[in-house]
């Protein structure tokens, strides 16, 4: 098991936990992250977010070198593209939708990781509705919870389910579960 993102001994915020699980024919490595929000832009919070993402890129490179099924999931606090926001114009300038954040997201994909949801659909799908702005009531969601897959995990992907109905329950989270179904 791994706890914490390597690369900065002074970083006391874990934000990463990883386990390796036995499956028929080998193992699957599952890593859950909470990627820093980074707001407001122009502060140390945004600098920390970008540095954290740079460290994540190095971490993922190492995991991909293992050539095993690897699932990197969690709250990325990244809106990858305009399709991932009901009103993308409202997010311009926000750390979640900044070009620097998108650049690092693309760098993860360029390493060979697959965006699981986009592998099964190109339809808009949201995973977060802000309580403060009454996003759920207005139907104004964003997709910031993601599953990224190594090629070995992507080969076994069968479906991705976004449980939007959970957001409509009494006392819900502002995030909804995103579930990947795999043939392991």
N, C-alpha and C. Protein backbone atom coordinates (compact mmCIF):
# COMPACT_ATOMS: atom_id res chain seq x y z
N UNK A 1 0.84 -1.17 0.00
CA UNK A 1 0.00 0.00 0.00
C UNK A 1 0.89 1.24 0.00
N UNK A 2 0.48 2.24 -0.76
CA UNK A 2 1.17 3.51 -0.82
C UNK A 2 0.25 4.58 -0.28
N UNK A 3 0.77 5.45 0.59
CA UNK A 3 0.02 6.60 1.10
C UNK A 3 0.84 7.84 0.84
N UNK A 4 0.22 8.83 0.26
CA UNK A 4 0.91 10.08 -0.02
C UNK A 4 1.58 10.05 -1.37
N UNK A 5 1.62 11.19 -2.01
CA UNK A 5 2.25 11.33 -3.33
C UNK A 5 3.73 11.60 -3.15
N UNK A 6 4.58 10.72 -3.66
CA UNK A 6 6.02 10.93 -3.52
C UNK A 6 6.49 12.19 -4.25
N UNK A 7 7.66 12.68 -3.84
CA UNK A 7 8.29 13.78 -4.55
C UNK A 7 8.41 15.07 -3.77
N UNK A 8 7.79 15.13 -2.58
CA UNK A 8 7.90 16.33 -1.75
C UNK A 8 7.78 15.90 -0.29
N UNK A 9 8.93 15.70 0.34
CA UNK A 9 8.94 15.23 1.73
C UNK A 9 8.26 16.20 2.68
N UNK A 10 8.14 17.46 2.31
CA UNK A 10 7.51 18.46 3.16
C UNK A 10 6.00 18.52 3.01
N UNK A 11 5.44 17.77 2.06
CA UNK A 11 3.99 17.80 1.83
C UNK A 11 3.32 16.87 2.83
N UNK A 12 2.62 17.45 3.78
CA UNK A 12 1.98 16.66 4.83
C UNK A 12 0.57 16.22 4.47
N UNK A 13 0.07 16.66 3.33
CA UNK A 13 -1.28 16.29 2.90
C UNK A 13 -1.20 15.04 2.04
N UNK A 14 -1.78 13.95 2.51
CA UNK A 14 -1.67 12.67 1.83
C UNK A 14 -2.25 12.72 0.42
N UNK A 15 -3.53 12.90 0.31
CA UNK A 15 -4.23 13.06 -0.95
C UNK A 15 -4.06 11.91 -1.94
N UNK A 16 -3.45 10.80 -1.53
CA UNK A 16 -3.28 9.66 -2.42
C UNK A 16 -3.17 8.40 -1.56
N UNK A 17 -3.91 7.38 -1.97
CA UNK A 17 -3.78 6.06 -1.36
C UNK A 17 -3.91 5.03 -2.46
N UNK A 18 -3.07 4.01 -2.40
CA UNK A 18 -3.01 3.02 -3.46
C UNK A 18 -2.96 1.63 -2.85
N UNK A 19 -3.67 0.71 -3.48
CA UNK A 19 -3.63 -0.69 -3.09
C UNK A 19 -3.43 -1.57 -4.30
N UNK A 20 -2.88 -2.75 -4.07
CA UNK A 20 -2.69 -3.74 -5.12
C UNK A 20 -3.54 -4.94 -4.75
N UNK A 21 -4.37 -5.38 -5.68
CA UNK A 21 -5.33 -6.44 -5.42
C UNK A 21 -5.09 -7.60 -6.37
N UNK A 22 -5.18 -8.81 -5.83
CA UNK A 22 -5.03 -10.02 -6.64
C UNK A 22 -6.30 -10.25 -7.44
N UNK A 23 -6.12 -10.54 -8.71
CA UNK A 23 -7.23 -10.92 -9.59
C UNK A 23 -6.77 -12.13 -10.38
N UNK A 24 -7.71 -12.79 -11.00
CA UNK A 24 -7.34 -13.96 -11.79
C UNK A 24 -6.32 -13.56 -12.85
N UNK A 25 -5.20 -14.22 -12.84
CA UNK A 25 -4.16 -13.94 -13.83
C UNK A 25 -3.20 -12.82 -13.45
N UNK A 26 -3.26 -12.31 -12.21
CA UNK A 26 -2.31 -11.26 -11.85
C UNK A 26 -2.82 -10.33 -10.77
N UNK A 27 -2.59 -9.05 -10.99
CA UNK A 27 -2.98 -8.03 -10.01
C UNK A 27 -3.62 -6.85 -10.73
N UNK A 28 -4.32 -6.03 -9.96
CA UNK A 28 -4.78 -4.73 -10.43
C UNK A 28 -4.38 -3.72 -9.36
N UNK A 29 -3.83 -2.63 -9.81
CA UNK A 29 -3.38 -1.56 -8.92
C UNK A 29 -4.42 -0.44 -8.99
N UNK A 30 -4.97 -0.07 -7.82
CA UNK A 30 -6.00 0.96 -7.74
C UNK A 30 -5.48 2.08 -6.85
N UNK A 31 -5.52 3.28 -7.37
CA UNK A 31 -5.00 4.45 -6.66
C UNK A 31 -6.08 5.52 -6.64
N UNK A 32 -6.43 5.98 -5.44
CA UNK A 32 -7.44 7.02 -5.28
C UNK A 32 -6.75 8.32 -4.88
N UNK A 33 -7.13 9.41 -5.55
CA UNK A 33 -6.51 10.71 -5.27
C UNK A 33 -7.56 11.76 -4.98
N UNK A 34 -7.14 12.76 -4.27
CA UNK A 34 -7.86 14.03 -4.19
C UNK A 34 -6.87 15.06 -4.68
N UNK A 35 -7.08 15.54 -5.90
CA UNK A 35 -6.19 16.52 -6.48
C UNK A 35 -6.57 17.89 -5.93
N UNK A 36 -5.61 18.67 -5.45
CA UNK A 36 -5.93 19.97 -4.85
C UNK A 36 -6.77 20.84 -5.77
N UNK A 37 -7.68 21.60 -5.17
CA UNK A 37 -8.58 22.47 -5.89
C UNK A 37 -7.83 23.59 -6.61
N UNK A 38 -6.94 24.27 -5.92
CA UNK A 38 -6.11 25.29 -6.55
C UNK A 38 -6.65 26.70 -6.57
N UNK A 39 -7.83 26.92 -6.04
CA UNK A 39 -8.39 28.27 -6.01
C UNK A 39 -8.04 28.98 -4.71
N UNK A 40 -7.87 30.28 -4.79
CA UNK A 40 -7.96 31.12 -5.99
C UNK A 40 -6.66 31.09 -6.81
N UNK A 41 -6.84 31.23 -8.11
CA UNK A 41 -5.71 31.33 -9.03
C UNK A 41 -4.90 32.57 -8.65
N UNK A 42 -3.60 32.50 -8.81
CA UNK A 42 -2.75 33.63 -8.46
C UNK A 42 -2.26 33.57 -7.02
N UNK A 43 -2.58 32.45 -6.33
CA UNK A 43 -2.12 32.27 -4.95
C UNK A 43 -1.26 31.01 -4.88
N UNK A 44 -0.72 30.77 -3.69
CA UNK A 44 0.07 29.57 -3.47
C UNK A 44 -0.76 28.30 -3.69
N UNK A 45 -2.07 28.39 -3.53
CA UNK A 45 -2.93 27.22 -3.72
C UNK A 45 -2.87 26.73 -5.17
N UNK A 46 -2.84 27.66 -6.12
CA UNK A 46 -2.77 27.25 -7.52
C UNK A 46 -1.38 26.72 -7.85
N UNK A 47 -0.37 27.36 -7.32
CA UNK A 47 1.00 26.86 -7.52
C UNK A 47 1.14 25.46 -6.95
N UNK A 48 0.56 25.22 -5.77
CA UNK A 48 0.59 23.90 -5.15
C UNK A 48 -0.11 22.87 -6.04
N UNK A 49 -1.27 23.24 -6.58
CA UNK A 49 -2.01 22.33 -7.46
C UNK A 49 -1.15 21.90 -8.65
N UNK A 50 -0.54 22.87 -9.31
CA UNK A 50 0.26 22.56 -10.50
C UNK A 50 1.49 21.72 -10.14
N UNK A 51 2.14 22.04 -9.03
CA UNK A 51 3.27 21.24 -8.58
C UNK A 51 2.85 19.82 -8.23
N UNK A 52 1.69 19.68 -7.59
CA UNK A 52 1.16 18.37 -7.24
C UNK A 52 0.89 17.57 -8.50
N UNK A 53 0.34 18.22 -9.51
CA UNK A 53 0.08 17.53 -10.78
C UNK A 53 1.37 17.11 -11.47
N UNK A 54 2.41 17.92 -11.37
CA UNK A 54 3.71 17.54 -11.94
C UNK A 54 4.25 16.29 -11.23
N UNK A 55 4.11 16.25 -9.91
CA UNK A 55 4.53 15.06 -9.16
C UNK A 55 3.68 13.86 -9.53
N UNK A 56 2.38 14.08 -9.76
CA UNK A 56 1.49 12.99 -10.16
C UNK A 56 1.93 12.42 -11.51
N UNK A 57 2.32 13.27 -12.43
CA UNK A 57 2.81 12.79 -13.73
C UNK A 57 4.00 11.85 -13.56
N UNK A 58 4.93 12.21 -12.70
CA UNK A 58 6.10 11.36 -12.44
C UNK A 58 5.66 10.04 -11.83
N UNK A 59 4.74 10.10 -10.87
CA UNK A 59 4.21 8.90 -10.21
C UNK A 59 3.56 7.97 -11.24
N UNK A 60 2.72 8.53 -12.11
CA UNK A 60 2.02 7.73 -13.12
C UNK A 60 3.01 7.10 -14.10
N UNK A 61 4.03 7.84 -14.50
CA UNK A 61 5.05 7.27 -15.38
C UNK A 61 5.64 6.00 -14.76
N UNK A 62 5.94 6.06 -13.48
CA UNK A 62 6.47 4.89 -12.78
C UNK A 62 5.50 3.73 -12.75
N UNK A 63 4.23 4.04 -12.54
CA UNK A 63 3.22 2.97 -12.50
C UNK A 63 3.02 2.37 -13.89
N UNK A 64 3.04 3.17 -14.92
CA UNK A 64 2.87 2.65 -16.27
C UNK A 64 4.03 1.73 -16.66
N UNK A 65 5.21 2.00 -16.14
CA UNK A 65 6.37 1.15 -16.43
C UNK A 65 6.18 -0.27 -15.91
N UNK A 66 5.29 -0.47 -14.95
CA UNK A 66 5.02 -1.80 -14.41
C UNK A 66 4.22 -2.67 -15.38
N UNK A 67 3.58 -2.02 -16.37
CA UNK A 67 2.79 -2.72 -17.39
C UNK A 67 1.77 -3.67 -16.78
N UNK A 68 0.99 -3.14 -15.85
CA UNK A 68 -0.08 -3.91 -15.23
C UNK A 68 -1.34 -3.05 -15.20
N UNK A 69 -2.50 -3.67 -14.98
CA UNK A 69 -3.71 -2.86 -14.88
C UNK A 69 -3.59 -1.86 -13.72
N UNK A 70 -3.80 -0.60 -14.03
CA UNK A 70 -3.66 0.50 -13.07
C UNK A 70 -4.83 1.44 -13.26
N UNK A 71 -5.58 1.68 -12.18
CA UNK A 71 -6.73 2.57 -12.21
C UNK A 71 -6.45 3.73 -11.27
N UNK A 72 -6.42 4.93 -11.80
CA UNK A 72 -6.18 6.15 -11.03
C UNK A 72 -7.50 6.91 -10.99
N UNK A 73 -8.13 6.93 -9.82
CA UNK A 73 -9.47 7.49 -9.73
C UNK A 73 -9.58 8.48 -8.59
N UNK A 74 -10.61 9.29 -8.66
CA UNK A 74 -10.88 10.20 -7.56
C UNK A 74 -11.38 11.55 -8.02
N UNK A 75 -11.30 12.49 -7.08
CA UNK A 75 -11.69 13.87 -7.31
C UNK A 75 -10.46 14.61 -7.84
N UNK A 76 -10.44 14.84 -9.14
CA UNK A 76 -9.31 15.49 -9.78
C UNK A 76 -9.39 17.01 -9.72
N UNK A 77 -10.56 17.55 -9.43
CA UNK A 77 -10.74 19.00 -9.48
C UNK A 77 -10.24 19.56 -10.81
N UNK A 78 -10.56 18.85 -11.88
CA UNK A 78 -10.21 19.25 -13.24
C UNK A 78 -11.44 19.08 -14.12
N UNK A 79 -11.80 20.12 -14.84
CA UNK A 79 -12.82 20.05 -15.88
C UNK A 79 -12.03 19.92 -17.18
N UNK A 80 -11.93 18.71 -17.75
CA UNK A 80 -11.04 18.50 -18.89
C UNK A 80 -11.37 19.29 -20.15
N UNK A 81 -12.66 19.47 -20.43
CA UNK A 81 -13.06 20.12 -21.68
C UNK A 81 -14.42 20.79 -21.49
N UNK A 82 -14.78 21.62 -22.43
CA UNK A 82 -16.05 22.34 -22.35
C UNK A 82 -17.24 21.41 -22.21
N UNK A 83 -17.18 20.23 -22.83
CA UNK A 83 -18.28 19.27 -22.73
C UNK A 83 -18.52 18.81 -21.28
N UNK A 84 -17.51 19.00 -20.43
CA UNK A 84 -17.57 18.53 -19.05
C UNK A 84 -18.12 19.58 -18.09
N UNK A 85 -18.71 20.62 -18.62
CA UNK A 85 -19.38 21.65 -17.80
C UNK A 85 -20.65 22.07 -18.51
N UNK A 86 -21.74 22.14 -17.78
CA UNK A 86 -23.01 22.58 -18.37
C UNK A 86 -22.87 24.01 -18.89
N UNK A 87 -22.18 24.86 -18.13
CA UNK A 87 -21.96 26.26 -18.54
C UNK A 87 -20.45 26.54 -18.45
N UNK A 88 -19.68 26.09 -19.42
CA UNK A 88 -18.23 26.26 -19.36
C UNK A 88 -17.78 27.71 -19.23
N UNK A 89 -18.56 28.63 -19.77
CA UNK A 89 -18.18 30.04 -19.67
C UNK A 89 -18.13 30.52 -18.22
N UNK A 90 -18.86 29.87 -17.34
CA UNK A 90 -18.84 30.24 -15.92
C UNK A 90 -17.55 29.80 -15.22
N UNK A 91 -16.78 28.93 -15.85
CA UNK A 91 -15.60 28.37 -15.21
C UNK A 91 -14.29 28.96 -15.74
N UNK A 92 -14.37 29.81 -16.74
CA UNK A 92 -13.17 30.43 -17.28
C UNK A 92 -12.48 31.20 -16.15
N UNK A 93 -11.21 30.98 -15.98
CA UNK A 93 -10.46 31.64 -14.92
C UNK A 93 -10.40 30.86 -13.63
N UNK A 94 -11.25 29.85 -13.46
CA UNK A 94 -11.23 29.00 -12.27
C UNK A 94 -10.10 27.98 -12.40
N UNK A 95 -9.48 27.63 -11.29
CA UNK A 95 -8.36 26.67 -11.31
C UNK A 95 -8.76 25.33 -11.93
N UNK A 96 -10.03 24.96 -11.83
CA UNK A 96 -10.49 23.69 -12.36
C UNK A 96 -10.49 23.67 -13.89
N UNK A 97 -10.54 24.85 -14.50
CA UNK A 97 -10.70 24.95 -15.95
C UNK A 97 -9.59 25.79 -16.59
N UNK A 98 -8.56 26.10 -15.82
CA UNK A 98 -7.44 26.90 -16.34
C UNK A 98 -6.65 26.11 -17.38
N UNK A 99 -6.06 26.78 -18.36
CA UNK A 99 -5.23 26.11 -19.36
C UNK A 99 -4.08 25.30 -18.74
N UNK A 100 -3.50 25.80 -17.66
CA UNK A 100 -2.39 25.08 -17.02
C UNK A 100 -2.85 23.75 -16.45
N UNK A 101 -4.06 23.72 -15.91
CA UNK A 101 -4.62 22.48 -15.38
C UNK A 101 -4.94 21.52 -16.53
N UNK A 102 -5.55 22.02 -17.58
CA UNK A 102 -5.89 21.21 -18.75
C UNK A 102 -4.64 20.64 -19.41
N UNK A 103 -3.58 21.44 -19.43
CA UNK A 103 -2.31 20.98 -20.02
C UNK A 103 -1.78 19.75 -19.29
N UNK A 104 -1.84 19.77 -17.97
CA UNK A 104 -1.35 18.63 -17.19
C UNK A 104 -2.30 17.43 -17.32
N UNK A 105 -3.59 17.68 -17.46
CA UNK A 105 -4.54 16.60 -17.71
C UNK A 105 -4.17 15.90 -19.03
N UNK A 106 -3.94 16.71 -20.07
CA UNK A 106 -3.56 16.13 -21.36
C UNK A 106 -2.23 15.39 -21.27
N UNK A 107 -1.33 15.88 -20.45
CA UNK A 107 -0.05 15.19 -20.26
C UNK A 107 -0.28 13.79 -19.68
N UNK A 108 -1.22 13.65 -18.75
CA UNK A 108 -1.56 12.32 -18.21
C UNK A 108 -2.08 11.42 -19.33
N UNK A 109 -2.96 11.95 -20.16
CA UNK A 109 -3.48 11.16 -21.28
C UNK A 109 -2.37 10.81 -22.26
N UNK A 110 -1.47 11.75 -22.50
CA UNK A 110 -0.38 11.53 -23.45
C UNK A 110 0.63 10.50 -22.94
N UNK A 111 0.64 10.25 -21.64
CA UNK A 111 1.49 9.17 -21.11
C UNK A 111 0.95 7.80 -21.50
N UNK A 112 -0.33 7.77 -21.86
CA UNK A 112 -0.97 6.51 -22.22
C UNK A 112 -2.18 6.17 -21.38
N UNK A 113 -2.59 7.09 -20.50
CA UNK A 113 -3.77 6.85 -19.68
C UNK A 113 -5.03 7.14 -20.51
N UNK A 114 -6.09 6.41 -20.22
CA UNK A 114 -7.37 6.55 -20.90
C UNK A 114 -8.40 7.12 -19.95
N UNK A 115 -9.13 8.13 -20.39
CA UNK A 115 -10.26 8.67 -19.64
C UNK A 115 -11.40 7.67 -19.81
N UNK A 116 -11.71 6.92 -18.75
CA UNK A 116 -12.66 5.81 -18.85
C UNK A 116 -14.03 6.26 -19.36
N UNK A 117 -14.56 7.35 -18.84
CA UNK A 117 -15.88 7.79 -19.28
C UNK A 117 -15.88 8.13 -20.76
N UNK A 118 -14.87 8.85 -21.21
CA UNK A 118 -14.81 9.24 -22.62
C UNK A 118 -14.53 8.04 -23.53
N UNK A 119 -14.04 6.95 -22.96
CA UNK A 119 -13.84 5.73 -23.75
C UNK A 119 -15.16 5.04 -24.06
N UNK A 120 -16.20 5.32 -23.25
CA UNK A 120 -17.49 4.66 -23.47
C UNK A 120 -18.58 5.59 -23.98
N UNK A 121 -18.39 6.91 -23.84
CA UNK A 121 -19.41 7.85 -24.33
C UNK A 121 -18.80 9.22 -24.60
N UNK A 122 -19.40 9.91 -25.54
CA UNK A 122 -19.00 11.30 -25.77
C UNK A 122 -20.13 12.25 -25.37
N UNK A 123 -21.10 11.73 -24.62
CA UNK A 123 -22.21 12.54 -24.12
C UNK A 123 -21.80 13.30 -22.87
N UNK A 124 -22.36 14.50 -22.65
CA UNK A 124 -22.08 15.21 -21.40
C UNK A 124 -22.54 14.38 -20.20
N UNK A 125 -21.74 14.41 -19.16
CA UNK A 125 -22.06 13.69 -17.93
C UNK A 125 -21.36 14.42 -16.80
N UNK A 126 -22.09 14.71 -15.74
CA UNK A 126 -21.53 15.52 -14.66
C UNK A 126 -21.46 14.70 -13.37
N UNK A 127 -20.49 15.05 -12.52
CA UNK A 127 -20.27 14.32 -11.28
C UNK A 127 -20.34 15.22 -10.05
N UNK A 128 -20.51 16.52 -10.26
CA UNK A 128 -20.48 17.49 -9.16
C UNK A 128 -21.45 18.63 -9.46
N UNK A 129 -22.23 18.99 -8.43
CA UNK A 129 -23.13 20.14 -8.50
C UNK A 129 -22.90 20.94 -7.23
N UNK A 130 -22.50 22.17 -7.37
CA UNK A 130 -22.12 23.02 -6.23
C UNK A 130 -23.32 23.36 -5.35
N UNK A 131 -23.17 23.14 -4.05
CA UNK A 131 -24.21 23.52 -3.10
C UNK A 131 -24.39 25.03 -3.03
N UNK A 132 -23.27 25.75 -3.01
CA UNK A 132 -23.31 27.21 -2.81
C UNK A 132 -24.08 27.94 -3.91
N UNK A 133 -23.97 27.44 -5.13
CA UNK A 133 -24.62 28.11 -6.26
C UNK A 133 -25.91 27.42 -6.70
N UNK A 134 -26.36 26.43 -5.90
CA UNK A 134 -27.58 25.68 -6.20
C UNK A 134 -27.48 25.01 -7.58
N UNK A 135 -26.29 24.47 -7.86
CA UNK A 135 -26.03 23.84 -9.15
C UNK A 135 -26.99 22.71 -9.48
N UNK A 136 -27.32 21.89 -8.49
CA UNK A 136 -28.23 20.76 -8.75
C UNK A 136 -29.61 21.28 -9.16
N UNK A 137 -30.10 22.26 -8.43
CA UNK A 137 -31.43 22.82 -8.72
C UNK A 137 -31.49 23.45 -10.11
N UNK A 138 -30.36 23.99 -10.56
CA UNK A 138 -30.32 24.65 -11.87
C UNK A 138 -29.84 23.71 -12.98
N UNK A 139 -29.51 22.46 -12.62
CA UNK A 139 -29.00 21.53 -13.63
C UNK A 139 -27.62 21.91 -14.12
N UNK A 140 -26.86 22.63 -13.29
CA UNK A 140 -25.56 23.17 -13.69
C UNK A 140 -24.43 22.36 -13.05
N UNK A 141 -24.05 21.27 -13.71
CA UNK A 141 -23.03 20.39 -13.18
C UNK A 141 -21.71 20.48 -13.92
N UNK A 142 -20.70 19.85 -13.33
CA UNK A 142 -19.40 19.71 -13.96
C UNK A 142 -18.89 18.28 -13.73
N UNK A 143 -17.96 17.86 -14.56
CA UNK A 143 -17.34 16.55 -14.39
C UNK A 143 -15.93 16.78 -13.88
N UNK A 144 -15.71 16.43 -12.61
CA UNK A 144 -14.38 16.57 -12.01
C UNK A 144 -13.90 15.29 -11.34
N UNK A 145 -14.75 14.26 -11.32
CA UNK A 145 -14.39 12.97 -10.74
C UNK A 145 -14.13 12.01 -11.90
N UNK A 146 -12.95 11.42 -11.91
CA UNK A 146 -12.51 10.69 -13.09
C UNK A 146 -11.88 9.36 -12.74
N UNK A 147 -11.90 8.47 -13.71
CA UNK A 147 -11.13 7.24 -13.69
C UNK A 147 -10.20 7.32 -14.88
N UNK A 148 -8.89 7.29 -14.62
CA UNK A 148 -7.91 7.19 -15.70
C UNK A 148 -7.32 5.79 -15.64
N UNK A 149 -7.11 5.19 -16.81
CA UNK A 149 -6.73 3.79 -16.89
C UNK A 149 -5.45 3.59 -17.68
N UNK A 150 -4.60 2.70 -17.17
CA UNK A 150 -3.45 2.26 -17.95
C UNK A 150 -3.97 1.45 -19.13
N UNK A 151 -3.16 1.23 -20.16
CA UNK A 151 -3.63 0.43 -21.30
C UNK A 151 -4.15 -0.95 -20.87
N UNK A 152 -3.50 -1.56 -19.89
CA UNK A 152 -3.90 -2.89 -19.44
C UNK A 152 -5.25 -2.86 -18.74
N UNK A 153 -5.57 -1.78 -18.05
CA UNK A 153 -6.89 -1.63 -17.43
C UNK A 153 -7.92 -1.23 -18.48
N UNK A 154 -7.55 -0.35 -19.40
CA UNK A 154 -8.48 0.09 -20.45
C UNK A 154 -8.94 -1.09 -21.29
N UNK A 155 -8.05 -2.05 -21.53
CA UNK A 155 -8.41 -3.24 -22.30
C UNK A 155 -9.51 -4.05 -21.62
N UNK A 156 -9.66 -3.90 -20.32
CA UNK A 156 -10.65 -4.67 -19.55
C UNK A 156 -11.89 -3.86 -19.18
N UNK A 157 -11.92 -2.60 -19.59
CA UNK A 157 -13.06 -1.75 -19.28
C UNK A 157 -14.29 -2.21 -20.03
N UNK A 158 -15.39 -2.36 -19.30
CA UNK A 158 -16.66 -2.73 -19.93
C UNK A 158 -17.64 -1.57 -19.94
N UNK A 159 -17.68 -0.78 -18.86
CA UNK A 159 -18.63 0.32 -18.81
C UNK A 159 -18.24 1.27 -17.69
N UNK A 160 -18.81 2.46 -17.74
CA UNK A 160 -18.66 3.45 -16.67
C UNK A 160 -20.06 3.96 -16.35
N UNK A 161 -20.38 3.96 -15.07
CA UNK A 161 -21.69 4.42 -14.62
C UNK A 161 -21.51 5.63 -13.71
N UNK A 162 -22.20 6.71 -14.02
CA UNK A 162 -22.23 7.90 -13.17
C UNK A 162 -23.58 7.88 -12.46
N UNK A 163 -23.55 7.75 -11.16
CA UNK A 163 -24.78 7.61 -10.38
C UNK A 163 -25.35 8.98 -10.00
N UNK A 164 -25.82 9.67 -11.02
CA UNK A 164 -26.37 11.02 -10.86
C UNK A 164 -27.55 11.04 -9.88
N UNK A 165 -28.30 9.95 -9.83
CA UNK A 165 -29.48 9.90 -8.97
C UNK A 165 -29.14 10.09 -7.49
N UNK A 166 -27.91 9.80 -7.12
CA UNK A 166 -27.49 9.96 -5.72
C UNK A 166 -27.54 11.41 -5.27
N UNK A 167 -27.33 12.32 -6.21
CA UNK A 167 -27.30 13.75 -5.86
C UNK A 167 -28.68 14.25 -5.48
N UNK A 168 -29.73 13.59 -5.94
CA UNK A 168 -31.09 14.00 -5.66
C UNK A 168 -31.64 13.48 -4.34
N UNK A 169 -30.85 12.70 -3.61
CA UNK A 169 -31.31 12.14 -2.34
C UNK A 169 -31.21 13.16 -1.22
N UNK A 170 -31.84 12.83 -0.10
CA UNK A 170 -31.79 13.71 1.07
C UNK A 170 -30.38 13.73 1.65
N UNK A 171 -29.84 14.92 1.92
CA UNK A 171 -28.51 15.13 2.47
C UNK A 171 -27.41 14.45 1.64
N UNK A 172 -27.37 14.74 0.35
CA UNK A 172 -26.36 14.11 -0.51
C UNK A 172 -25.01 14.82 -0.42
N UNK A 173 -24.02 14.18 -0.98
CA UNK A 173 -22.74 14.84 -1.24
C UNK A 173 -22.93 15.73 -2.46
N UNK A 174 -22.01 16.66 -2.66
CA UNK A 174 -22.05 17.45 -3.89
C UNK A 174 -21.43 16.67 -5.06
N UNK A 175 -20.76 15.55 -4.76
CA UNK A 175 -20.21 14.64 -5.78
C UNK A 175 -21.10 13.39 -5.85
N UNK A 176 -21.09 12.73 -7.00
CA UNK A 176 -21.79 11.45 -7.12
C UNK A 176 -20.77 10.35 -7.45
N UNK A 177 -21.11 9.10 -7.12
CA UNK A 177 -20.20 8.00 -7.42
C UNK A 177 -20.04 7.79 -8.93
N UNK A 178 -18.82 7.49 -9.33
CA UNK A 178 -18.50 7.10 -10.70
C UNK A 178 -17.92 5.70 -10.59
N UNK A 179 -18.55 4.74 -11.26
CA UNK A 179 -18.17 3.34 -11.12
C UNK A 179 -17.70 2.79 -12.45
N UNK A 180 -16.52 2.21 -12.43
CA UNK A 180 -16.01 1.53 -13.61
C UNK A 180 -16.30 0.04 -13.49
N UNK A 181 -16.76 -0.56 -14.58
CA UNK A 181 -16.97 -2.01 -14.61
C UNK A 181 -15.90 -2.61 -15.51
N UNK A 182 -15.22 -3.64 -14.96
CA UNK A 182 -14.09 -4.23 -15.64
C UNK A 182 -14.25 -5.74 -15.72
N UNK A 183 -13.63 -6.35 -16.69
CA UNK A 183 -13.61 -7.81 -16.83
C UNK A 183 -12.28 -8.33 -16.26
N UNK A 184 -12.23 -8.45 -14.95
CA UNK A 184 -11.04 -9.03 -14.29
C UNK A 184 -11.38 -10.42 -13.80
